[in-house]
Each structure stands twice: as structure tokens, then as C-alpha cells.
Amino acid sequence: MKFRRTLFWDTDPKKIDVKKNAQYIIERIADFGNDKEARWALEFYNKALLKKVVAKSRSLRPDTRKLWTMLIQK
């Protein structure tokens, strides 16, 4: 997945490690990602990790948390 610069404005998207920076990526995509990026995250990361990040994240907006909780349950 090639990450958009506007999604990761505070770092160089080319230097992001999808495994090491999973929480960071999931949070950004959940809050600011487009449909393509959301689909990628849902397919790439396992449900257990997605549930953990969504449940414990201190940066996700409340509406984002509700939406992703529903998406992960499917």
C-alpha cells in the first residue's frame, strides 16, 4: 500500500513500517482514511489487532470508534 502524504502529514510515508507502526496506521486510516485505505486496513490487519487498537486508542474520535467497532464485527 502506498500511503498518501496528506494522511501521514507528520512523517515520511515511505518510511512507515506496516507491522511496526500498525497502531499508528490503523488510527490514521480510521480517522482520516478514504474507502480504499479503510478496505486495505480491514484486509491487511487481523481482527484481533484492529479490535485492540480501536478499543484502546486514546486518539480516535468517538464517532470513528463506533463506526470501526461495527465494521470489525462483520
PDB file of N, CA and C in Angstrom:
ATOM      1  N   MET A   1       0.841  -1.179   0.000  1.00  0.00           N
ATOM      2  CA  MET A   1       0.000   0.000   0.000  1.00  0.00           C
ATOM      3  C   MET A   1       0.883   1.238   0.000  1.00  0.00           C
ATOM      4  N   LYS A   2       0.609   2.132  -0.900  1.00  0.00           N
ATOM      5  CA  LYS A   2       1.315   3.405  -0.950  1.00  0.00           C
ATOM      6  C   LYS A   2       0.478   4.412  -0.161  1.00  0.00           C
ATOM      7  N   PHE A   3       1.048   4.935   0.909  1.00  0.00           N
ATOM      8  CA  PHE A   3       0.321   5.854   1.779  1.00  0.00           C
ATOM      9  C   PHE A   3       0.362   7.283   1.259  1.00  0.00           C
ATOM     10  N   ARG A   4      -0.781   7.961   1.383  1.00  0.00           N
ATOM     11  CA  ARG A   4      -0.867   9.361   0.954  1.00  0.00           C
ATOM     12  C   ARG A   4      -0.121  10.267   1.924  1.00  0.00           C
ATOM     13  N   ARG A   5       0.537  11.253   1.373  1.00  0.00           N
ATOM     14  CA  ARG A   5       1.262  12.240   2.182  1.00  0.00           C
ATOM     15  C   ARG A   5       0.298  13.010   3.081  1.00  0.00           C
ATOM     16  N   THR A   6      -0.920  13.287   2.594  1.00  0.00           N
ATOM     17  CA  THR A   6      -1.883  14.044   3.381  1.00  0.00           C
ATOM     18  C   THR A   6      -2.417  13.236   4.567  1.00  0.00           C
ATOM     19  N   LEU A   7      -2.366  11.930   4.478  1.00  0.00           N
ATOM     20  CA  LEU A   7      -2.811  11.082   5.580  1.00  0.00           C
ATOM     21  C   LEU A   7      -1.744  11.006   6.669  1.00  0.00           C
ATOM     22  N   PHE A   8      -0.500  10.995   6.257  1.00  0.00           N
ATOM     23  CA  PHE A   8       0.620  10.931   7.196  1.00  0.00           C
ATOM     24  C   PHE A   8       1.471  12.191   7.041  1.00  0.00           C
ATOM     25  N   TRP A   9       0.870  13.310   7.373  1.00  0.00           N
ATOM     26  CA  TRP A   9       1.499  14.610   7.166  1.00  0.00           C
ATOM     27  C   TRP A   9       2.689  14.855   8.094  1.00  0.00           C
ATOM     28  N   ASP A  10       2.770  14.127   9.189  1.00  0.00           N
ATOM     29  CA  ASP A  10       3.808  14.384  10.178  1.00  0.00           C
ATOM     30  C   ASP A  10       5.028  13.470  10.057  1.00  0.00           C
ATOM     31  N   THR A  11       5.054  12.656   9.018  1.00  0.00           N
ATOM     32  CA  THR A  11       6.183  11.752   8.812  1.00  0.00           C
ATOM     33  C   THR A  11       6.319  11.449   7.319  1.00  0.00           C
ATOM     34  N   ASP A  12       7.395  10.821   6.948  1.00  0.00           N
ATOM     35  CA  ASP A  12       7.594  10.424   5.555  1.00  0.00           C
ATOM     36  C   ASP A  12       6.876   9.096   5.328  1.00  0.00           C
ATOM     37  N   PRO A  13       5.817   9.091   4.506  1.00  0.00           N
ATOM     38  CA  PRO A  13       5.047   7.858   4.287  1.00  0.00           C
ATOM     39  C   PRO A  13       5.882   6.681   3.784  1.00  0.00           C
ATOM     40  N   LYS A  14       6.982   6.970   3.112  1.00  0.00           N
ATOM     41  CA  LYS A  14       7.829   5.900   2.573  1.00  0.00           C
ATOM     42  C   LYS A  14       8.579   5.152   3.678  1.00  0.00           C
ATOM     43  N   LYS A  15       8.709   5.774   4.843  1.00  0.00           N
ATOM     44  CA  LYS A  15       9.473   5.173   5.937  1.00  0.00           C
ATOM     45  C   LYS A  15       8.599   4.465   6.964  1.00  0.00           C
ATOM     46  N   ILE A  16       7.301   4.381   6.710  1.00  0.00           N
ATOM     47  CA  ILE A  16       6.394   3.743   7.652  1.00  0.00           C
ATOM     48  C   ILE A  16       6.449   2.230   7.473  1.00  0.00           C
ATOM     49  N   ASP A  17       6.654   1.530   8.564  1.00  0.00           N
ATOM     50  CA  ASP A  17       6.673   0.066   8.562  1.00  0.00           C
ATOM     51  C   ASP A  17       5.279  -0.421   8.949  1.00  0.00           C
ATOM     52  N   VAL A  18       4.616  -1.173   8.053  1.00  0.00           N
ATOM     53  CA  VAL A  18       3.222  -1.560   8.272  1.00  0.00           C
ATOM     54  C   VAL A  18       3.038  -2.485   9.476  1.00  0.00           C
ATOM     55  N   LYS A  19       4.059  -3.194   9.867  1.00  0.00           N
ATOM     56  CA  LYS A  19       3.952  -4.076  11.030  1.00  0.00           C
ATOM     57  C   LYS A  19       4.340  -3.330  12.312  1.00  0.00           C
ATOM     58  N   LYS A  20       5.480  -2.667  12.288  1.00  0.00           N
ATOM     59  CA  LYS A  20       5.981  -1.967  13.464  1.00  0.00           C
ATOM     60  C   LYS A  20       5.088  -0.780  13.847  1.00  0.00           C
ATOM     61  N   ASN A  21       4.527  -0.102  12.876  1.00  0.00           N
ATOM     62  CA  ASN A  21       3.708   1.088  13.108  1.00  0.00           C
ATOM     63  C   ASN A  21       2.221   0.823  12.909  1.00  0.00           C
ATOM     64  N   ALA A  22       1.790  -0.393  13.181  1.00  0.00           N
ATOM     65  CA  ALA A  22       0.406  -0.794  12.922  1.00  0.00           C
ATOM     66  C   ALA A  22      -0.614   0.079  13.647  1.00  0.00           C
ATOM     67  N   GLN A  23      -0.397   0.355  14.922  1.00  0.00           N
ATOM     68  CA  GLN A  23      -1.368   1.162  15.667  1.00  0.00           C
ATOM     69  C   GLN A  23      -1.495   2.555  15.052  1.00  0.00           C
ATOM     70  N   TYR A  24      -0.387   3.164  14.759  1.00  0.00           N
ATOM     71  CA  TYR A  24      -0.356   4.494  14.148  1.00  0.00           C
ATOM     72  C   TYR A  24      -1.109   4.498  12.816  1.00  0.00           C
ATOM     73  N   ILE A  25      -0.862   3.503  11.996  1.00  0.00           N
ATOM     74  CA  ILE A  25      -1.505   3.403  10.685  1.00  0.00           C
ATOM     75  C   ILE A  25      -3.008   3.194  10.828  1.00  0.00           C
ATOM     76  N   ILE A  26      -3.392   2.275  11.689  1.00  0.00           N
ATOM     77  CA  ILE A  26      -4.814   1.987  11.883  1.00  0.00           C
ATOM     78  C   ILE A  26      -5.554   3.223  12.382  1.00  0.00           C
ATOM     79  N   GLU A  27      -4.981   3.919  13.338  1.00  0.00           N
ATOM     80  CA  GLU A  27      -5.626   5.128  13.872  1.00  0.00           C
ATOM     81  C   GLU A  27      -5.792   6.194  12.791  1.00  0.00           C
ATOM     82  N   ARG A  28      -4.763   6.417  12.006  1.00  0.00           N
ATOM     83  CA  ARG A  28      -4.843   7.434  10.958  1.00  0.00           C
ATOM     84  C   ARG A  28      -5.861   7.064   9.898  1.00  0.00           C
ATOM     85  N   ILE A  29      -5.823   5.815   9.456  1.00  0.00           N
ATOM     86  CA  ILE A  29      -6.768   5.381   8.428  1.00  0.00           C
ATOM     87  C   ILE A  29      -8.188   5.426   8.968  1.00  0.00           C
ATOM     88  N   ALA A  30      -8.379   5.007  10.207  1.00  0.00           N
ATOM     89  CA  ALA A  30      -9.718   5.018  10.798  1.00  0.00           C
ATOM     90  C   ALA A  30     -10.279   6.436  10.849  1.00  0.00           C
ATOM     91  N   ASP A  31      -9.488   7.385  11.283  1.00  0.00           N
ATOM     92  CA  ASP A  31      -9.965   8.765  11.428  1.00  0.00           C
ATOM     93  C   ASP A  31      -9.984   9.556  10.119  1.00  0.00           C
ATOM     94  N   PHE A  32      -8.975   9.368   9.270  1.00  0.00           N
ATOM     95  CA  PHE A  32      -8.819  10.250   8.118  1.00  0.00           C
ATOM     96  C   PHE A  32      -8.712   9.561   6.761  1.00  0.00           C
ATOM     97  N   GLY A  33      -8.734   8.230   6.757  1.00  0.00           N
ATOM     98  CA  GLY A  33      -8.535   7.496   5.512  1.00  0.00           C
ATOM     99  C   GLY A  33      -9.755   7.496   4.606  1.00  0.00           C
ATOM    100  N   ASN A  34      -9.505   7.183   3.339  1.00  0.00           N
ATOM    101  CA  ASN A  34     -10.604   7.058   2.382  1.00  0.00           C
ATOM    102  C   ASN A  34     -11.062   5.601   2.323  1.00  0.00           C
ATOM    103  N   ASP A  35     -12.047   5.317   1.486  1.00  0.00           N
ATOM    104  CA  ASP A  35     -12.602   3.959   1.403  1.00  0.00           C
ATOM    105  C   ASP A  35     -11.548   2.918   1.028  1.00  0.00           C
ATOM    106  N   LYS A  36     -10.699   3.254   0.083  1.00  0.00           N
ATOM    107  CA  LYS A  36      -9.666   2.319  -0.369  1.00  0.00           C
ATOM    108  C   LYS A  36      -8.705   1.979   0.779  1.00  0.00           C
ATOM    109  N   GLU A  37      -8.308   2.981   1.535  1.00  0.00           N
ATOM    110  CA  GLU A  37      -7.388   2.763   2.649  1.00  0.00           C
ATOM    111  C   GLU A  37      -8.059   1.968   3.772  1.00  0.00           C
ATOM    112  N   ALA A  38      -9.337   2.250   4.029  1.00  0.00           N
ATOM    113  CA  ALA A  38     -10.070   1.515   5.062  1.00  0.00           C
ATOM    114  C   ALA A  38     -10.194   0.044   4.682  1.00  0.00           C
ATOM    115  N   ARG A  39     -10.534  -0.229   3.426  1.00  0.00           N
ATOM    116  CA  ARG A  39     -10.631  -1.616   2.961  1.00  0.00           C
ATOM    117  C   ARG A  39      -9.295  -2.331   3.101  1.00  0.00           C
ATOM    118  N   TRP A  40      -8.222  -1.632   2.743  1.00  0.00           N
ATOM    119  CA  TRP A  40      -6.891  -2.220   2.853  1.00  0.00           C
ATOM    120  C   TRP A  40      -6.597  -2.589   4.305  1.00  0.00           C
ATOM    121  N   ALA A  41      -6.852  -1.676   5.235  1.00  0.00           N
ATOM    122  CA  ALA A  41      -6.571  -1.936   6.652  1.00  0.00           C
ATOM    123  C   ALA A  41      -7.391  -3.113   7.165  1.00  0.00           C
ATOM    124  N   LEU A  42      -8.653  -3.168   6.776  1.00  0.00           N
ATOM    125  CA  LEU A  42      -9.520  -4.260   7.218  1.00  0.00           C
ATOM    126  C   LEU A  42      -9.072  -5.610   6.663  1.00  0.00           C
ATOM    127  N   GLU A  43      -8.479  -5.619   5.493  1.00  0.00           N
ATOM    128  CA  GLU A  43      -7.989  -6.860   4.888  1.00  0.00           C
ATOM    129  C   GLU A  43      -6.583  -7.217   5.360  1.00  0.00           C
ATOM    130  N   PHE A  44      -5.745  -6.212   5.566  1.00  0.00           N
ATOM    131  CA  PHE A  44      -4.338  -6.451   5.887  1.00  0.00           C
ATOM    132  C   PHE A  44      -4.136  -6.858   7.347  1.00  0.00           C
ATOM    133  N   TYR A  45      -4.776  -6.142   8.266  1.00  0.00           N
ATOM    134  CA  TYR A  45      -4.580  -6.412   9.688  1.00  0.00           C
ATOM    135  C   TYR A  45      -5.634  -7.394  10.198  1.00  0.00           C
ATOM    136  N   ASN A  46      -5.231  -8.253  11.126  1.00  0.00           N
ATOM    137  CA  ASN A  46      -6.186  -9.227  11.657  1.00  0.00           C
ATOM    138  C   ASN A  46      -7.174  -8.535  12.598  1.00  0.00           C
ATOM    139  N   LYS A  47      -8.332  -9.164  12.759  1.00  0.00           N
ATOM    140  CA  LYS A  47      -9.415  -8.563  13.542  1.00  0.00           C
ATOM    141  C   LYS A  47      -9.022  -8.327  14.997  1.00  0.00           C
ATOM    142  N   ALA A  48      -8.237  -9.211  15.555  1.00  0.00           N
ATOM    143  CA  ALA A  48      -7.837  -9.057  16.953  1.00  0.00           C
ATOM    144  C   ALA A  48      -7.040  -7.769  17.155  1.00  0.00           C
ATOM    145  N   LEU A  49      -6.116  -7.491  16.250  1.00  0.00           N
ATOM    146  CA  LEU A  49      -5.320  -6.273  16.344  1.00  0.00           C
ATOM    147  C   LEU A  49      -6.196  -5.042  16.122  1.00  0.00           C
ATOM    148  N   LEU A  50      -7.064  -5.093  15.126  1.00  0.00           N
ATOM    149  CA  LEU A  50      -7.953  -3.968  14.855  1.00  0.00           C
ATOM    150  C   LEU A  50      -8.842  -3.674  16.070  1.00  0.00           C
ATOM    151  N   LYS A  51      -9.409  -4.718  16.670  1.00  0.00           N
ATOM    152  CA  LYS A  51     -10.254  -4.540  17.852  1.00  0.00           C
ATOM    153  C   LYS A  51      -9.475  -3.914  18.994  1.00  0.00           C
ATOM    154  N   LYS A  52      -8.264  -4.392  19.206  1.00  0.00           N
ATOM    155  CA  LYS A  52      -7.422  -3.874  20.289  1.00  0.00           C
ATOM    156  C   LYS A  52      -7.118  -2.392  20.089  1.00  0.00           C
ATOM    157  N   VAL A  53      -6.709  -2.030  18.885  1.00  0.00           N
ATOM    158  CA  VAL A  53      -6.367  -0.632  18.606  1.00  0.00           C
ATOM    159  C   VAL A  53      -7.593   0.262  18.748  1.00  0.00           C
ATOM    160  N   VAL A  54      -8.711  -0.146  18.163  1.00  0.00           N
ATOM    161  CA  VAL A  54      -9.929   0.667  18.221  1.00  0.00           C
ATOM    162  C   VAL A  54     -10.405   0.818  19.666  1.00  0.00           C
ATOM    163  N   ALA A  55     -10.336  -0.238  20.444  1.00  0.00           N
ATOM    164  CA  ALA A  55     -10.822  -0.190  21.825  1.00  0.00           C
ATOM    165  C   ALA A  55      -9.922   0.629  22.745  1.00  0.00           C
ATOM    166  N   LYS A  56      -8.618   0.573  22.529  1.00  0.00           N
ATOM    167  CA  LYS A  56      -7.686   1.202  23.468  1.00  0.00           C
ATOM    168  C   LYS A  56      -7.100   2.529  23.002  1.00  0.00           C
ATOM    169  N   SER A  57      -7.355   2.914  21.763  1.00  0.00           N
ATOM    170  CA  SER A  57      -6.779   4.147  21.233  1.00  0.00           C
ATOM    171  C   SER A  57      -7.262   5.364  22.007  1.00  0.00           C
ATOM    172  N   ARG A  58      -6.332   6.239  22.310  1.00  0.00           N
ATOM    173  CA  ARG A  58      -6.676   7.474  23.003  1.00  0.00           C
ATOM    174  C   ARG A  58      -6.845   8.631  22.024  1.00  0.00           C
ATOM    175  N   SER A  59      -6.613   8.365  20.743  1.00  0.00           N
ATOM    176  CA  SER A  59      -6.675   9.456  19.764  1.00  0.00           C
ATOM    177  C   SER A  59      -7.876   9.381  18.824  1.00  0.00           C
ATOM    178  N   LEU A  60      -8.551   8.235  18.761  1.00  0.00           N
ATOM    179  CA  LEU A  60      -9.695   8.113  17.849  1.00  0.00           C
ATOM    180  C   LEU A  60     -10.870   8.957  18.331  1.00  0.00           C
ATOM    181  N   ARG A  61     -11.544   9.583  17.385  1.00  0.00           N
ATOM    182  CA  ARG A  61     -12.747  10.334  17.713  1.00  0.00           C
ATOM    183  C   ARG A  61     -13.859   9.342  18.077  1.00  0.00           C
ATOM    184  N   PRO A  62     -14.793   9.728  18.951  1.00  0.00           N
ATOM    185  CA  PRO A  62     -15.863   8.815  19.383  1.00  0.00           C
ATOM    186  C   PRO A  62     -16.680   8.231  18.228  1.00  0.00           C
ATOM    187  N   ASP A  63     -17.036   9.050  17.246  1.00  0.00           N
ATOM    188  CA  ASP A  63     -17.805   8.538  16.103  1.00  0.00           C
ATOM    189  C   ASP A  63     -16.992   7.539  15.286  1.00  0.00           C
ATOM    190  N   THR A  64     -15.704   7.793  15.165  1.00  0.00           N
ATOM    191  CA  THR A  64     -14.822   6.872  14.448  1.00  0.00           C
ATOM    192  C   THR A  64     -14.768   5.537  15.174  1.00  0.00           C
ATOM    193  N   ARG A  65     -14.635   5.590  16.487  1.00  0.00           N
ATOM    194  CA  ARG A  65     -14.580   4.360  17.292  1.00  0.00           C
ATOM    195  C   ARG A  65     -15.859   3.533  17.098  1.00  0.00           C
ATOM    196  N   LYS A  66     -17.013   4.187  17.115  1.00  0.00           N
ATOM    197  CA  LYS A  66     -18.291   3.476  16.938  1.00  0.00           C
ATOM    198  C   LYS A  66     -18.368   2.819  15.565  1.00  0.00           C
ATOM    199  N   LEU A  67     -18.014   3.574  14.517  1.00  0.00           N
ATOM    200  CA  LEU A  67     -18.065   3.044  13.160  1.00  0.00           C
ATOM    201  C   LEU A  67     -17.147   1.844  13.003  1.00  0.00           C
ATOM    202  N   TRP A  68     -15.901   1.969  13.425  1.00  0.00           N
ATOM    203  CA  TRP A  68     -14.941   0.882  13.252  1.00  0.00           C
ATOM    204  C   TRP A  68     -15.280  -0.322  14.113  1.00  0.00           C
ATOM    205  N   THR A  69     -15.892  -0.100  15.251  1.00  0.00           N
ATOM    206  CA  THR A  69     -16.336  -1.225  16.076  1.00  0.00           C
ATOM    207  C   THR A  69     -17.371  -2.041  15.302  1.00  0.00           C
ATOM    208  N   MET A  70     -18.275  -1.344  14.628  1.00  0.00           N
ATOM    209  CA  MET A  70     -19.285  -2.044  13.813  1.00  0.00           C
ATOM    210  C   MET A  70     -18.644  -2.727  12.609  1.00  0.00           C
ATOM    211  N   LEU A  71     -17.702  -2.067  11.955  1.00  0.00           N
ATOM    212  CA  LEU A  71     -17.055  -2.653  10.776  1.00  0.00           C
ATOM    213  C   LEU A  71     -16.279  -3.930  11.129  1.00  0.00           C
ATOM    214  N   ILE A  72     -15.630  -3.926  12.254  1.00  0.00           N
ATOM    215  CA  ILE A  72     -14.806  -5.069  12.663  1.00  0.00           C
ATOM    216  C   ILE A  72     -15.678  -6.263  13.034  1.00  0.00           C
ATOM    217  N   GLN A  73     -16.866  -6.016  13.552  1.00  0.00           N
ATOM    218  CA  GLN A  73     -17.747  -7.109  13.975  1.00  0.00           C
ATOM    219  C   GLN A  73     -18.282  -7.933  12.814  1.00  0.00           C
ATOM    220  N   LYS A  74     -18.295  -7.374  11.632  1.00  0.00           N
ATOM    221  CA  LYS A  74     -18.849  -8.081  10.471  1.00  0.00           C
ATOM    222  C   LYS A  74     -17.995  -9.276  10.100  1.00  0.00           C
TER     223      LYS A  74
END
